[in-house]
Amino acid sequence: MFILLGNLVAWAAILFGVARAGIGFFVGSLDLEAERAAAASRYLGSVAPGEAIEQGLFVFVFGVVFGVFVSIARSLSERNMVDEE
């Protein structure tokens, strides 16, 4: 049960991190400063695009590391199940 929940959290963090960084790249690529400021306020919560990209990458890395921990927990759980039989 906890392994399934951990796997879900890891995948959600990876997806949200990629989405946040992608939106940051999109907002940062806008040409006009007024459009960039309006898009940052609307899509990023008035955060600079560079900060959004950095936050997205941090969330992505967290999801990958958390997924590795879930994988380790799953293998240890399976090993304990085999040892008990």
C-alpha atoms as a PDB file:
ATOM      1  CA  MET A   1       0.000   0.000   0.000  1.00  0.00           C
ATOM      2  CA  PHE A   2       2.746   2.487   0.963  1.00  0.00           C
ATOM      3  CA  ILE A   3       4.851   1.424  -2.006  1.00  0.00           C
ATOM      4  CA  LEU A   4       1.947   2.135  -4.359  1.00  0.00           C
ATOM      5  CA  LEU A   5       1.384   5.539  -2.754  1.00  0.00           C
ATOM      6  CA  GLY A   6       5.115   6.325  -2.935  1.00  0.00           C
ATOM      7  CA  ASN A   7       5.191   5.360  -6.599  1.00  0.00           C
ATOM      8  CA  LEU A   8       2.237   7.659  -7.252  1.00  0.00           C
ATOM      9  CA  VAL A   9       3.946  10.563  -5.439  1.00  0.00           C
ATOM     10  CA  ALA A  10       7.158  10.000  -7.400  1.00  0.00           C
ATOM     11  CA  TRP A  11       5.394  10.019 -10.763  1.00  0.00           C
ATOM     12  CA  ALA A  12       3.295  13.056  -9.824  1.00  0.00           C
ATOM     13  CA  ALA A  13       6.438  14.967  -8.813  1.00  0.00           C
ATOM     14  CA  ILE A  14       8.141  14.058 -12.081  1.00  0.00           C
ATOM     15  CA  LEU A  15       5.144  15.160 -14.151  1.00  0.00           C
ATOM     16  CA  PHE A  16       4.575  18.399 -12.229  1.00  0.00           C
ATOM     17  CA  GLY A  17       8.283  19.222 -12.348  1.00  0.00           C
ATOM     18  CA  VAL A  18       8.440  18.767 -16.106  1.00  0.00           C
ATOM     19  CA  ALA A  19       5.258  20.805 -16.547  1.00  0.00           C
ATOM     20  CA  ARG A  20       6.532  23.649 -14.332  1.00  0.00           C
ATOM     21  CA  ALA A  21       9.876  23.786 -16.147  1.00  0.00           C
ATOM     22  CA  GLY A  22       8.126  23.601 -19.533  1.00  0.00           C
ATOM     23  CA  ILE A  23       5.800  26.463 -18.678  1.00  0.00           C
ATOM     24  CA  GLY A  24       8.806  28.419 -17.432  1.00  0.00           C
ATOM     25  CA  PHE A  25      10.587  27.881 -20.757  1.00  0.00           C
ATOM     26  CA  PHE A  26       7.444  28.922 -22.637  1.00  0.00           C
ATOM     27  CA  VAL A  27       7.009  32.116 -20.631  1.00  0.00           C
ATOM     28  CA  GLY A  28      10.709  32.893 -20.905  1.00  0.00           C
ATOM     29  CA  SER A  29      10.603  32.560 -24.683  1.00  0.00           C
ATOM     30  CA  LEU A  30       7.995  35.298 -25.148  1.00  0.00           C
ATOM     31  CA  ASP A  31       9.384  38.309 -26.989  1.00  0.00           C
ATOM     32  CA  LEU A  32       7.621  41.300 -25.462  1.00  0.00           C
ATOM     33  CA  GLU A  33       8.328  42.179 -21.829  1.00  0.00           C
ATOM     34  CA  ALA A  34       4.669  43.053 -21.187  1.00  0.00           C
ATOM     35  CA  GLU A  35       3.522  39.666 -22.522  1.00  0.00           C
ATOM     36  CA  ARG A  36       6.180  37.899 -20.468  1.00  0.00           C
ATOM     37  CA  ALA A  37       5.102  39.699 -17.282  1.00  0.00           C
ATOM     38  CA  ALA A  38       1.415  38.974 -17.915  1.00  0.00           C
ATOM     39  CA  ALA A  39       2.102  35.309 -18.695  1.00  0.00           C
ATOM     40  CA  ALA A  40       4.334  34.937 -15.642  1.00  0.00           C
ATOM     41  CA  SER A  41       1.612  36.397 -13.451  1.00  0.00           C
ATOM     42  CA  ARG A  42      -1.049  34.187 -15.009  1.00  0.00           C
ATOM     43  CA  TYR A  43       0.730  30.849 -15.409  1.00  0.00           C
ATOM     44  CA  LEU A  44       3.520  30.988 -12.828  1.00  0.00           C
ATOM     45  CA  GLY A  45       1.999  32.971  -9.992  1.00  0.00           C
ATOM     46  CA  SER A  46       4.126  36.072 -10.654  1.00  0.00           C
ATOM     47  CA  VAL A  47       7.429  34.184 -10.442  1.00  0.00           C
ATOM     48  CA  ALA A  48      10.220  34.919 -12.888  1.00  0.00           C
ATOM     49  CA  PRO A  49      10.537  32.270 -15.621  1.00  0.00           C
ATOM     50  CA  GLY A  50      14.043  31.329 -14.494  1.00  0.00           C
ATOM     51  CA  GLU A  51      12.809  30.648 -10.968  1.00  0.00           C
ATOM     52  CA  ALA A  52       9.974  28.505 -12.324  1.00  0.00           C
ATOM     53  CA  ILE A  53      12.429  26.469 -14.402  1.00  0.00           C
ATOM     54  CA  GLU A  54      14.642  25.986 -11.340  1.00  0.00           C
ATOM     55  CA  GLN A  55      11.680  24.963  -9.177  1.00  0.00           C
ATOM     56  CA  GLY A  56      10.509  22.528 -11.848  1.00  0.00           C
ATOM     57  CA  LEU A  57      13.931  20.927 -12.067  1.00  0.00           C
ATOM     58  CA  PHE A  58      14.099  20.578  -8.272  1.00  0.00           C
ATOM     59  CA  VAL A  59      10.682  18.899  -8.192  1.00  0.00           C
ATOM     60  CA  PHE A  60      11.717  16.621 -11.073  1.00  0.00           C
ATOM     61  CA  VAL A  61      14.923  15.558  -9.291  1.00  0.00           C
ATOM     62  CA  PHE A  62      12.936  15.002  -6.080  1.00  0.00           C
ATOM     63  CA  GLY A  63      10.561  12.718  -8.007  1.00  0.00           C
ATOM     64  CA  VAL A  64      13.424  10.704  -9.490  1.00  0.00           C
ATOM     65  CA  VAL A  65      15.165  10.294  -6.121  1.00  0.00           C
ATOM     66  CA  PHE A  66      11.894   9.415  -4.405  1.00  0.00           C
ATOM     67  CA  GLY A  67      11.202   6.870  -7.156  1.00  0.00           C
ATOM     68  CA  VAL A  68      14.594   5.273  -6.538  1.00  0.00           C
ATOM     69  CA  PHE A  69      13.769   5.010  -2.832  1.00  0.00           C
ATOM     70  CA  VAL A  70      10.403   3.428  -3.658  1.00  0.00           C
ATOM     71  CA  SER A  71      12.156   0.933  -5.934  1.00  0.00           C
ATOM     72  CA  ILE A  72      14.560   0.031  -3.123  1.00  0.00           C
ATOM     73  CA  ALA A  73      11.642  -0.368  -0.711  1.00  0.00           C
ATOM     74  CA  ARG A  74       9.825  -2.600  -3.199  1.00  0.00           C
ATOM     75  CA  SER A  75      12.846  -4.876  -3.664  1.00  0.00           C
ATOM     76  CA  LEU A  76      13.373  -5.123   0.112  1.00  0.00           C
ATOM     77  CA  SER A  77       9.700  -5.902   0.611  1.00  0.00           C
ATOM     78  CA  GLU A  78       9.804  -8.638  -2.023  1.00  0.00           C
ATOM     79  CA  ARG A  79      12.957 -10.074  -0.462  1.00  0.00           C
ATOM     80  CA  ASN A  80      11.263 -10.208   2.960  1.00  0.00           C
ATOM     81  CA  MET A  81       8.252 -11.956   1.442  1.00  0.00           C
ATOM     82  CA  VAL A  82      10.519 -14.626  -0.109  1.00  0.00           C
ATOM     83  CA  ASP A  83      12.476 -15.086   3.131  1.00  0.00           C
ATOM     84  CA  GLU A  84       9.265 -15.649   5.125  1.00  0.00           C
ATOM     85  CA  GLU A  85       8.142 -18.470   2.829  1.00  0.00           C
END
